[in-house]
C-alpha atoms as a PDB file:
ATOM      1  CA  MET A   1     172.126 -20.857  17.010  1.00  0.00           C
ATOM      2  CA  TYR A   2     171.875 -24.289  15.101  1.00  0.00           C
ATOM      3  CA  PRO A   3     170.441 -27.351  16.796  1.00  0.00           C
ATOM      4  CA  GLY A   4     173.460 -28.863  18.584  1.00  0.00           C
ATOM      5  CA  ALA A   5     175.310 -25.449  18.875  1.00  0.00           C
ATOM      6  CA  ALA A   6     174.535 -25.146  22.562  1.00  0.00           C
ATOM      7  CA  ASP A   7     176.027 -28.311  22.912  1.00  0.00           C
ATOM      8  CA  ALA A   8     179.325 -27.695  21.057  1.00  0.00           C
ATOM      9  CA  VAL A   9     179.766 -24.474  22.516  1.00  0.00           C
ATOM     10  CA  LYS A  10     179.532 -25.972  26.007  1.00  0.00           C
ATOM     11  CA  ALA A  11     181.600 -28.850  25.189  1.00  0.00           C
ATOM     12  CA  GLN A  12     184.597 -26.314  24.200  1.00  0.00           C
ATOM     13  CA  LEU A  13     184.349 -24.465  26.897  1.00  0.00           C
ATOM     14  CA  GLU A  14     184.323 -27.063  29.268  1.00  0.00           C
ATOM     15  CA  ALA A  15     187.413 -28.579  27.707  1.00  0.00           C
ATOM     16  CA  ALA A  16     189.243 -24.923  27.626  1.00  0.00           C
ATOM     17  CA  ALA A  17     188.574 -24.448  31.016  1.00  0.00           C
ATOM     18  CA  ALA A  18     190.016 -27.873  31.772  1.00  0.00           C
ATOM     19  CA  LEU A  19     193.142 -27.096  29.816  1.00  0.00           C
ATOM     20  CA  ARG A  20     193.446 -23.822  31.298  1.00  0.00           C
ATOM     21  CA  ASP A  21     193.442 -25.496  34.905  1.00  0.00           C
ATOM     22  CA  ARG A  22     196.169 -28.035  33.772  1.00  0.00           C
ATOM     23  CA  MET A  23     198.328 -25.322  32.466  1.00  0.00           C
ATOM     24  CA  GLU A  24     198.064 -23.194  35.648  1.00  0.00           C
ATOM     25  CA  ASP A  25     198.791 -26.053  37.402  1.00  0.00           C
ATOM     26  CA  MET A  26     201.906 -26.754  35.675  1.00  0.00           C
ATOM     27  CA  THR A  27     202.590 -23.106  35.875  1.00  0.00           C
ATOM     28  CA  GLU A  28     202.194 -22.945  39.728  1.00  0.00           C
ATOM     29  CA  LYS A  29     204.619 -25.869  40.217  1.00  0.00           C
ATOM     30  CA  GLY A  30     207.269 -23.682  38.476  1.00  0.00           C
ATOM     31  CA  VAL A  31     207.587 -26.135  35.396  1.00  0.00           C
ATOM     32  CA  PHE A  32     208.127 -23.092  33.136  1.00  0.00           C
ATOM     33  CA  ALA A  33     209.543 -20.706  35.550  1.00  0.00           C
ATOM     34  CA  SER A  34     212.505 -23.250  36.222  1.00  0.00           C
ATOM     35  CA  LEU A  35     213.215 -22.795  32.345  1.00  0.00           C
ATOM     36  CA  GLY A  36     213.512 -18.917  32.964  1.00  0.00           C
ATOM     37  CA  LEU A  37     209.999 -18.300  30.973  1.00  0.00           C
ATOM     38  CA  ARG A  38     207.469 -16.084  31.866  1.00  0.00           C
ATOM     39  CA  VAL A  39     204.055 -17.407  31.123  1.00  0.00           C
ATOM     40  CA  TYR A  40     200.567 -15.638  29.805  1.00  0.00           C
ATOM     41  CA  ASN A  41     197.559 -17.736  29.803  1.00  0.00           C
ATOM     42  CA  PRO A  42     194.722 -15.848  27.949  1.00  0.00           C
ATOM     43  CA  LEU A  43     192.310 -18.315  29.378  1.00  0.00           C
ATOM     44  CA  THR A  44     192.884 -17.301  32.834  1.00  0.00           C
ATOM     45  CA  TYR A  45     193.182 -13.437  32.430  1.00  0.00           C
ATOM     46  CA  ALA A  46     191.030 -12.802  29.058  1.00  0.00           C
ATOM     47  CA  TRP A  47     188.461 -15.774  29.696  1.00  0.00           C
ATOM     48  CA  LYS A  48     185.547 -13.333  29.451  1.00  0.00           C
ATOM     49  CA  ALA A  49     186.528 -12.556  26.218  1.00  0.00           C
ATOM     50  CA  PHE A  50     187.453 -15.969  24.840  1.00  0.00           C
ATOM     51  CA  GLU A  51     183.832 -17.291  26.428  1.00  0.00           C
ATOM     52  CA  GLU A  52     182.324 -14.677  24.106  1.00  0.00           C
ATOM     53  CA  TYR A  53     184.340 -15.476  21.208  1.00  0.00           C
ATOM     54  CA  VAL A  54     183.524 -19.175  21.611  1.00  0.00           C
ATOM     55  CA  THR A  55     179.610 -18.424  22.665  1.00  0.00           C
ATOM     56  CA  ARG A  56     179.377 -16.225  19.617  1.00  0.00           C
ATOM     57  CA  CYS A  57     181.331 -17.695  16.741  1.00  0.00           C
ATOM     58  CA  GLY A  58     181.373 -21.292  17.916  1.00  0.00           C
ATOM     59  CA  GLY A  59     177.578 -21.533  18.099  1.00  0.00           C
ATOM     60  CA  ALA A  60     177.180 -19.477  14.747  1.00  0.00           C
ATOM     61  CA  GLY A  61     175.747 -21.047  11.771  1.00  0.00           C
ATOM     62  CA  ALA A  62     172.706 -23.361  10.403  1.00  0.00           C
ATOM     63  CA  LYS A  63     174.703 -26.402  10.823  1.00  0.00           C
ATOM     64  CA  ASN A  64     175.272 -28.721  13.854  1.00  0.00           C
ATOM     65  CA  ARG A  65     178.962 -28.733  12.841  1.00  0.00           C
ATOM     66  CA  LYS A  66     181.855 -26.704  11.223  1.00  0.00           C
ATOM     67  CA  ARG A  67     183.129 -27.917   8.245  1.00  0.00           C
ATOM     68  CA  VAL A  68     186.588 -26.374   8.373  1.00  0.00           C
ATOM     69  CA  LEU A  69     188.551 -25.643  11.592  1.00  0.00           C
ATOM     70  CA  PHE A  70     191.731 -23.612  11.588  1.00  0.00           C
ATOM     71  CA  LEU A  71     194.146 -24.440  14.145  1.00  0.00           C
ATOM     72  CA  GLY A  72     197.218 -22.359  14.867  1.00  0.00           C
ATOM     73  CA  MET A  73     199.882 -22.709  17.152  1.00  0.00           C
ATOM     74  CA  ASN A  74     199.712 -20.601  20.384  1.00  0.00           C
ATOM     75  CA  PRO A  75     198.938 -17.045  21.054  1.00  0.00           C
ATOM     76  CA  GLY A  76     201.130 -14.156  19.628  1.00  0.00           C
ATOM     77  CA  PRO A  77     202.386 -11.414  21.912  1.00  0.00           C
ATOM     78  CA  TRP A  78     200.022  -8.879  20.177  1.00  0.00           C
ATOM     79  CA  GLY A  79     197.185 -11.076  19.008  1.00  0.00           C
ATOM     80  CA  MET A  80     195.542 -13.362  21.532  1.00  0.00           C
ATOM     81  CA  ALA A  81     197.457 -12.328  24.222  1.00  0.00           C
ATOM     82  CA  GLN A  82     195.873  -8.937  24.076  1.00  0.00           C
ATOM     83  CA  THR A  83     192.441  -9.997  22.978  1.00  0.00           C
ATOM     84  CA  GLY A  84     191.799 -13.529  24.450  1.00  0.00           C
ATOM     85  CA  VAL A  85     191.118 -14.559  20.647  1.00  0.00           C
ATOM     86  CA  PRO A  86     192.951 -17.032  18.276  1.00  0.00           C
ATOM     87  CA  PHE A  87     194.804 -14.745  15.929  1.00  0.00           C
ATOM     88  CA  GLY A  88     193.234 -11.855  17.817  1.00  0.00           C
ATOM     89  CA  GLU A  89     194.609  -8.754  16.020  1.00  0.00           C
ATOM     90  CA  VAL A  90     193.071  -5.961  17.766  1.00  0.00           C
ATOM     91  CA  THR A  91     191.234  -4.375  14.962  1.00  0.00           C
ATOM     92  CA  ALA A  92     190.000  -7.405  13.392  1.00  0.00           C
ATOM     93  CA  VAL A  93     188.562  -8.431  16.690  1.00  0.00           C
ATOM     94  CA  ARG A  94     186.942  -5.339  17.597  1.00  0.00           C
ATOM     95  CA  ASP A  95     185.826  -4.143  14.098  1.00  0.00           C
ATOM     96  CA  TRP A  96     185.236  -7.695  12.288  1.00  0.00           C
ATOM     97  CA  LEU A  97     184.315  -9.745  15.043  1.00  0.00           C
ATOM     98  CA  GLY A  98     182.723  -7.181  17.183  1.00  0.00           C
ATOM     99  CA  ILE A  99     183.962  -8.478  20.484  1.00  0.00           C
ATOM    100  CA  THR A 100     185.032  -5.666  22.703  1.00  0.00           C
ATOM    101  CA  VAL A 101     184.959  -7.368  26.099  1.00  0.00           C
ATOM    102  CA  SER A 102     188.048  -6.149  28.295  1.00  0.00           C
ATOM    103  CA  VAL A 103     190.636  -8.133  29.368  1.00  0.00           C
ATOM    104  CA  GLY A 104     192.788  -8.413  32.821  1.00  0.00           C
ATOM    105  CA  ARG A 105     196.382  -8.705  32.942  1.00  0.00           C
ATOM    106  CA  PRO A 106     198.845 -11.972  33.538  1.00  0.00           C
ATOM    107  CA  SER A 107     200.849 -12.247  36.678  1.00  0.00           C
ATOM    108  CA  GLY A 108     204.467 -11.714  36.168  1.00  0.00           C
ATOM    109  CA  GLU A 109     203.831  -9.415  32.944  1.00  0.00           C
ATOM    110  CA  HIS A 110     207.114  -8.723  30.887  1.00  0.00           C
ATOM    111  CA  PRO A 111     207.918  -5.111  30.289  1.00  0.00           C
ATOM    112  CA  ASN A 112     208.413  -5.857  26.480  1.00  0.00           C
ATOM    113  CA  TYR A 113     205.344  -7.512  26.280  1.00  0.00           C
ATOM    114  CA  PRO A 114     202.673  -5.452  28.248  1.00  0.00           C
ATOM    115  CA  VAL A 115     198.907  -6.585  28.031  1.00  0.00           C
ATOM    116  CA  ASN A 116     196.813  -3.534  27.209  1.00  0.00           C
ATOM    117  CA  GLY A 117     193.968  -5.498  25.777  1.00  0.00           C
ATOM    118  CA  TYR A 118     192.161  -2.990  22.815  1.00  0.00           C
ATOM    119  CA  ALA A 119     194.440  -0.519  23.819  1.00  0.00           C
ATOM    120  CA  CYS A 120     197.213  -2.370  22.222  1.00  0.00           C
ATOM    121  CA  LYS A 121     199.065  -0.117  19.576  1.00  0.00           C
ATOM    122  CA  ARG A 122     200.875  -3.113  18.245  1.00  0.00           C
ATOM    123  CA  SER A 123     199.366  -5.004  15.113  1.00  0.00           C
ATOM    124  CA  GLU A 124     199.724  -8.769  15.375  1.00  0.00           C
ATOM    125  CA  VAL A 125     200.526  -9.313  11.513  1.00  0.00           C
ATOM    126  CA  SER A 126     199.844 -12.888  11.476  1.00  0.00           C
ATOM    127  CA  GLY A 127     196.331 -12.072  12.955  1.00  0.00           C
ATOM    128  CA  LYS A 128     195.935  -9.196  10.552  1.00  0.00           C
ATOM    129  CA  ARG A 129     196.602 -11.117   7.559  1.00  0.00           C
ATOM    130  CA  LEU A 130     194.430 -14.330   8.654  1.00  0.00           C
ATOM    131  CA  TRP A 131     191.475 -12.422   9.487  1.00  0.00           C
ATOM    132  CA  GLY A 132     191.946 -10.184   6.368  1.00  0.00           C
ATOM    133  CA  LEU A 133     191.600 -13.235   4.397  1.00  0.00           C
ATOM    134  CA  PHE A 134     188.573 -14.188   5.693  1.00  0.00           C
ATOM    135  CA  GLU A 135     187.093 -10.992   5.724  1.00  0.00           C
ATOM    136  CA  GLU A 136     188.201 -10.560   1.890  1.00  0.00           C
ATOM    137  CA  ARG A 137     186.654 -13.938   0.993  1.00  0.00           C
ATOM    138  CA  PHE A 138     183.541 -14.053   3.026  1.00  0.00           C
ATOM    139  CA  GLY A 139     182.415 -10.317   3.550  1.00  0.00           C
ATOM    140  CA  SER A 140     180.695 -10.655   7.135  1.00  0.00           C
ATOM    141  CA  ALA A 141     181.924 -12.455  10.392  1.00  0.00           C
ATOM    142  CA  GLU A 142     178.723 -14.360  10.264  1.00  0.00           C
ATOM    143  CA  ALA A 143     179.103 -15.711   6.755  1.00  0.00           C
ATOM    144  CA  PHE A 144     182.604 -16.921   7.567  1.00  0.00           C
ATOM    145  CA  PHE A 145     181.484 -18.817  11.089  1.00  0.00           C
ATOM    146  CA  GLU A 146     178.729 -20.229   9.185  1.00  0.00           C
ATOM    147  CA  ASP A 147     180.861 -23.299   8.596  1.00  0.00           C
ATOM    148  CA  HIS A 148     184.452 -22.344   9.778  1.00  0.00           C
ATOM    149  CA  PHE A 149     186.145 -21.906  13.172  1.00  0.00           C
ATOM    150  CA  VAL A 150     189.501 -20.919  14.172  1.00  0.00           C
ATOM    151  CA  ALA A 151     191.320 -22.346  17.303  1.00  0.00           C
ATOM    152  CA  ASN A 152     194.989 -22.504  18.915  1.00  0.00           C
ATOM    153  CA  TYR A 153     196.635 -25.592  19.563  1.00  0.00           C
ATOM    154  CA  CYS A 154     198.410 -24.566  23.021  1.00  0.00           C
ATOM    155  CA  PRO A 155     196.829 -21.896  24.978  1.00  0.00           C
ATOM    156  CA  LEU A 156     200.257 -20.379  26.495  1.00  0.00           C
ATOM    157  CA  LEU A 157     202.580 -17.451  25.204  1.00  0.00           C
ATOM    158  CA  PHE A 158     206.226 -18.435  26.416  1.00  0.00           C
ATOM    159  CA  ILE A 159     208.665 -15.601  26.994  1.00  0.00           C
ATOM    160  CA  LYS A 160     212.017 -16.032  27.198  1.00  0.00           C
ATOM    161  CA  THR A 161     214.631 -13.366  28.805  1.00  0.00           C
ATOM    162  CA  GLU A 162     217.764 -13.314  26.835  1.00  0.00           C
ATOM    163  CA  GLU A 163     220.873 -13.740  28.607  1.00  0.00           C
ATOM    164  CA  GLY A 164     224.389 -12.764  27.218  1.00  0.00           C
ATOM    165  CA  SER A 165     226.914 -10.288  27.595  1.00  0.00           C
ATOM    166  CA  GLY A 166     226.947  -6.732  26.742  1.00  0.00           C
ATOM    167  CA  GLY A 167     223.419  -6.133  24.884  1.00  0.00           C
ATOM    168  CA  ALA A 168     221.081  -7.722  27.185  1.00  0.00           C
ATOM    169  CA  GLU A 169     222.956  -6.330  30.411  1.00  0.00           C
ATOM    170  CA  SER A 170     223.086  -2.950  28.804  1.00  0.00           C
ATOM    171  CA  SER A 171     219.222  -3.077  28.299  1.00  0.00           C
ATOM    172  CA  ALA A 172     218.451  -4.513  31.897  1.00  0.00           C
ATOM    173  CA  ARG A 173     220.197  -1.220  32.997  1.00  0.00           C
ATOM    174  CA  LYS A 174     217.703   0.670  30.886  1.00  0.00           C
ATOM    175  CA  GLY A 175     215.015  -1.508  32.859  1.00  0.00           C
ATOM    176  CA  ARG A 176     213.980  -3.424  29.728  1.00  0.00           C
ATOM    177  CA  ALA A 177     215.687  -6.698  29.666  1.00  0.00           C
ATOM    178  CA  ARG A 178     215.498  -8.107  26.001  1.00  0.00           C
ATOM    179  CA  ALA A 179     213.355 -10.980  25.409  1.00  0.00           C
ATOM    180  CA  HIS A 180     211.702 -13.035  22.633  1.00  0.00           C
ATOM    181  CA  ASN A 181     208.553 -15.402  22.267  1.00  0.00           C
ATOM    182  CA  LEU A 182     209.519 -19.055  22.430  1.00  0.00           C
ATOM    183  CA  THR A 183     207.137 -21.387  20.579  1.00  0.00           C
ATOM    184  CA  PRO A 184     205.969 -24.735  22.178  1.00  0.00           C
ATOM    185  CA  ASP A 185     208.449 -26.926  20.026  1.00  0.00           C
ATOM    186  CA  LYS A 186     211.561 -25.005  21.258  1.00  0.00           C
ATOM    187  CA  LEU A 187     210.707 -26.509  25.226  1.00  0.00           C
ATOM    188  CA  PRO A 188     212.869 -29.398  26.295  1.00  0.00           C
ATOM    189  CA  ALA A 189     211.345 -32.693  25.717  1.00  0.00           C
ATOM    190  CA  PRO A 190     209.751 -33.691  29.244  1.00  0.00           C
ATOM    191  CA  VAL A 191     208.182 -30.448  29.694  1.00  0.00           C
ATOM    192  CA  ARG A 192     207.077 -30.438  25.524  1.00  0.00           C
ATOM    193  CA  SER A 193     205.448 -34.089  26.640  1.00  0.00           C
ATOM    194  CA  ALA A 194     203.305 -32.951  29.204  1.00  0.00           C
ATOM    195  CA  LEU A 195     202.358 -29.476  27.402  1.00  0.00           C
ATOM    196  CA  TYR A 196     201.278 -32.021  24.207  1.00  0.00           C
ATOM    197  CA  GLU A 197     199.347 -34.278  26.412  1.00  0.00           C
ATOM    198  CA  ALA A 198     197.358 -31.659  27.529  1.00  0.00           C
ATOM    199  CA  CYS A 199     196.789 -29.761  24.307  1.00  0.00           C
ATOM    200  CA  ASP A 200     196.115 -32.937  22.296  1.00  0.00           C
ATOM    201  CA  THR A 201     193.118 -33.678  25.105  1.00  0.00           C
ATOM    202  CA  HIS A 202     191.604 -30.415  24.304  1.00  0.00           C
ATOM    203  CA  LEU A 203     192.096 -30.510  20.458  1.00  0.00           C
ATOM    204  CA  ARG A 204     190.311 -34.171  20.273  1.00  0.00           C
ATOM    205  CA  ALA A 205     187.280 -32.374  21.926  1.00  0.00           C
ATOM    206  CA  LEU A 206     187.342 -29.612  19.857  1.00  0.00           C
ATOM    207  CA  VAL A 207     187.194 -32.311  17.003  1.00  0.00           C
ATOM    208  CA  GLU A 208     184.426 -34.194  18.813  1.00  0.00           C
ATOM    209  CA  ALA A 209     182.468 -30.862  19.254  1.00  0.00           C
ATOM    210  CA  PHE A 210     182.382 -29.565  15.899  1.00  0.00           C
ATOM    211  CA  VAL A 211     182.960 -32.798  13.626  1.00  0.00           C
ATOM    212  CA  PRO A 212     184.798 -30.970  11.065  1.00  0.00           C
ATOM    213  CA  ARG A 213     185.132 -32.202   7.649  1.00  0.00           C
ATOM    214  CA  TYR A 214     188.798 -30.620   7.222  1.00  0.00           C
ATOM    215  CA  LEU A 215     191.420 -29.857  10.111  1.00  0.00           C
ATOM    216  CA  ILE A 216     193.626 -27.189   8.487  1.00  0.00           C
ATOM    217  CA  GLY A 217     196.844 -26.446  10.230  1.00  0.00           C
ATOM    218  CA  VAL A 218     198.016 -22.923   9.817  1.00  0.00           C
ATOM    219  CA  GLY A 219     201.897 -23.433   9.429  1.00  0.00           C
ATOM    220  CA  LEU A 220     203.804 -26.924   9.566  1.00  0.00           C
ATOM    221  CA  PHE A 221     203.559 -27.307  13.553  1.00  0.00           C
ATOM    222  CA  ALA A 222     200.046 -27.043  14.069  1.00  0.00           C
ATOM    223  CA  ALA A 223     199.494 -29.442  10.751  1.00  0.00           C
ATOM    224  CA  ALA A 224     201.517 -31.896  12.571  1.00  0.00           C
ATOM    225  CA  ARG A 225     199.926 -32.025  15.965  1.00  0.00           C
ATOM    226  CA  ALA A 226     196.389 -32.081  14.254  1.00  0.00           C
ATOM    227  CA  LYS A 227     197.754 -34.867  11.759  1.00  0.00           C
ATOM    228  CA  GLU A 228     199.069 -36.799  15.293  1.00  0.00           C
ATOM    229  CA  VAL A 229     195.949 -36.275  17.242  1.00  0.00           C
ATOM    230  CA  VAL A 230     193.285 -37.617  14.166  1.00  0.00           C
ATOM    231  CA  LEU A 231     195.479 -40.404  13.510  1.00  0.00           C
ATOM    232  CA  LYS A 232     195.048 -41.646  17.258  1.00  0.00           C
ATOM    233  CA  MET A 233     191.457 -40.950  17.353  1.00  0.00           C
ATOM    234  CA  LYS A 234     190.819 -42.947  14.017  1.00  0.00           C
ATOM    235  CA  VAL A 235     192.943 -45.826  15.540  1.00  0.00           C
ATOM    236  CA  VAL A 236     190.979 -45.813  18.814  1.00  0.00           C
ATOM    237  CA  SER A 237     187.784 -45.934  16.784  1.00  0.00           C
ATOM    238  CA  LYS A 238     189.152 -48.896  14.785  1.00  0.00           C
ATOM    239  CA  MET A 239     190.044 -50.840  17.933  1.00  0.00           C
ATOM    240  CA  GLU A 240     186.757 -49.996  19.513  1.00  0.00           C
ATOM    241  CA  VAL A 241     185.014 -51.191  16.552  1.00  0.00           C
ATOM    242  CA  MET A 242     187.016 -54.638  16.460  1.00  0.00           C
ATOM    243  CA  SER A 243     186.812 -54.967  20.072  1.00  0.00           C
ATOM    244  CA  LYS A 244     182.651 -54.884  19.978  1.00  0.00           C
ATOM    245  CA  MET A 245     182.803 -57.056  16.365  1.00  0.00           C
ATOM    246  CA  LYS A 246     179.971 -55.189  15.203  1.00  0.00           C
ATOM    247  CA  ALA A 247     179.438 -52.083  13.707  1.00  0.00           C
ATOM    248  CA  MET A 248     179.630 -48.827  15.473  1.00  0.00           C
ATOM    249  CA  PRO A 249     179.199 -45.342  14.564  1.00  0.00           C
ATOM    250  CA  GLU A 250     182.552 -43.843  13.667  1.00  0.00           C
ATOM    251  CA  SER A 251     184.262 -41.458  15.829  1.00  0.00           C
ATOM    252  CA  ALA A 252     184.285 -37.755  14.875  1.00  0.00           C
ATOM    253  CA  GLY A 253     187.974 -38.035  13.998  1.00  0.00           C
ATOM    254  CA  ALA A 254     187.293 -40.837  11.065  1.00  0.00           C
ATOM    255  CA  GLY A 255     186.397 -38.395   8.619  1.00  0.00           C
ATOM    256  CA  VAL A 256     188.575 -35.552   9.318  1.00  0.00           C
ATOM    257  CA  THR A 257     190.941 -34.566   6.437  1.00  0.00           C
ATOM    258  CA  VAL A 258     194.167 -32.815   7.866  1.00  0.00           C
ATOM    259  CA  GLY A 259     195.420 -30.321   5.695  1.00  0.00           C
ATOM    260  CA  LYS A 260     197.861 -27.166   5.840  1.00  0.00           C
ATOM    261  CA  ILE A 261     198.308 -23.703   4.720  1.00  0.00           C
ATOM    262  CA  LEU A 262     201.552 -21.514   4.800  1.00  0.00           C
ATOM    263  CA  HIS A 263     201.679 -19.591   8.077  1.00  0.00           C
ATOM    264  CA  PRO A 264     201.178 -15.787   7.984  1.00  0.00           C
ATOM    265  CA  SER A 265     203.772 -14.781  10.019  1.00  0.00           C
ATOM    266  CA  PRO A 266     206.202 -12.134   8.730  1.00  0.00           C
ATOM    267  CA  ALA A 267     209.168 -14.224   9.907  1.00  0.00           C
ATOM    268  CA  SER A 268     208.338 -16.703   7.101  1.00  0.00           C
ATOM    269  CA  PRO A 269     209.959 -14.816   3.638  1.00  0.00           C
ATOM    270  CA  GLN A 270     207.545 -16.473   1.517  1.00  0.00           C
ATOM    271  CA  SER A 271     204.362 -15.233   3.555  1.00  0.00           C
ATOM    272  CA  ASN A 272     205.373 -11.665   2.994  1.00  0.00           C
ATOM    273  CA  THR A 273     204.511 -11.633  -0.806  1.00  0.00           C
ATOM    274  CA  GLY A 274     200.908 -12.517  -1.398  1.00  0.00           C
ATOM    275  CA  TRP A 275     200.165 -14.763   1.380  1.00  0.00           C
ATOM    276  CA  ALA A 276     196.475 -14.416   1.158  1.00  0.00           C
ATOM    277  CA  ALA A 277     196.646 -15.767  -2.628  1.00  0.00           C
ATOM    278  CA  ALA A 278     198.877 -18.566  -1.787  1.00  0.00           C
ATOM    279  CA  ALA A 279     196.719 -19.519   1.109  1.00  0.00           C
ATOM    280  CA  SER A 280     193.728 -19.603  -1.018  1.00  0.00           C
ATOM    281  CA  LEU A 281     195.574 -21.356  -3.705  1.00  0.00           C
ATOM    282  CA  GLN A 282     196.472 -23.945  -1.175  1.00  0.00           C
ATOM    283  CA  LEU A 283     193.103 -24.515   0.366  1.00  0.00           C
ATOM    284  CA  ALA A 284     191.450 -25.055  -3.059  1.00  0.00           C
ATOM    285  CA  GLU A 285     193.938 -27.480  -3.886  1.00  0.00           C
ATOM    286  CA  GLN A 286     193.253 -29.296  -0.833  1.00  0.00           C
ATOM    287  CA  GLY A 287     189.108 -29.253  -1.707  1.00  0.00           C
ATOM    288  CA  VAL A 288     188.821 -27.048   1.263  1.00  0.00           C
ATOM    289  CA  TRP A 289     187.475 -23.772  -0.759  1.00  0.00           C
ATOM    290  CA  GLU A 290     186.353 -23.274  -4.515  1.00  0.00           C
ATOM    291  CA  GLU A 291     188.923 -21.525  -6.523  1.00  0.00           C
END
């Protein structure tokens, strides 16, 4: 572990625990249930696996920072929801990252989205593509985490049971009401605002812990949230300097360049043909990777 790595890992775990607790508080108050949502929080039932990921991979390398921080949106039902690792497609986490820590199960589990951990037979396509790109380029996980890290903006998976005539009722009679994964940006404004406030605080803590040169949003949503958080960090830093009327060290956010890559989700037609090559080109054009 590099000098300062223990502090970075400690800071991230503390920030994640604080975010976990805020999400649990919102859940217990019925904020999400009132919207007809079931919520999975891997930072609760898969905390040990997440802790292993952060400790092992967030503290890897020979530097006291991560040059590149990739940021996803929120857990996928067959990825982080199963393994506790961002974009955590089961085979990638088990075979490439070497993490096999068992996970628990969320309360209020939906029958269409069971959490079976490493016994899950479904593959998270987004995670398979993302970690597959990193494996292809860097070879070993150790080489990748020397200078990179992957995190999520929001820790919650939202599941919305579909209501309607015919199909949903028919499915319900068979014991499996139809449901779908709801992304955070689709939440009502008041709930979204409270959620973003908590997630922004967590992201700021990540930037302060790892001091990345590049913060890369995987998809438009993550890039937009990253841009807003870093902009606020830069404004606060400038105001602090002006108030002191003397030179001060720049904040962690001052030197961060926010970028983005195409999301690897199969829901995006652009991602289903040559996603790895397209993402690599985007990173090269932004100066993150060499061609």
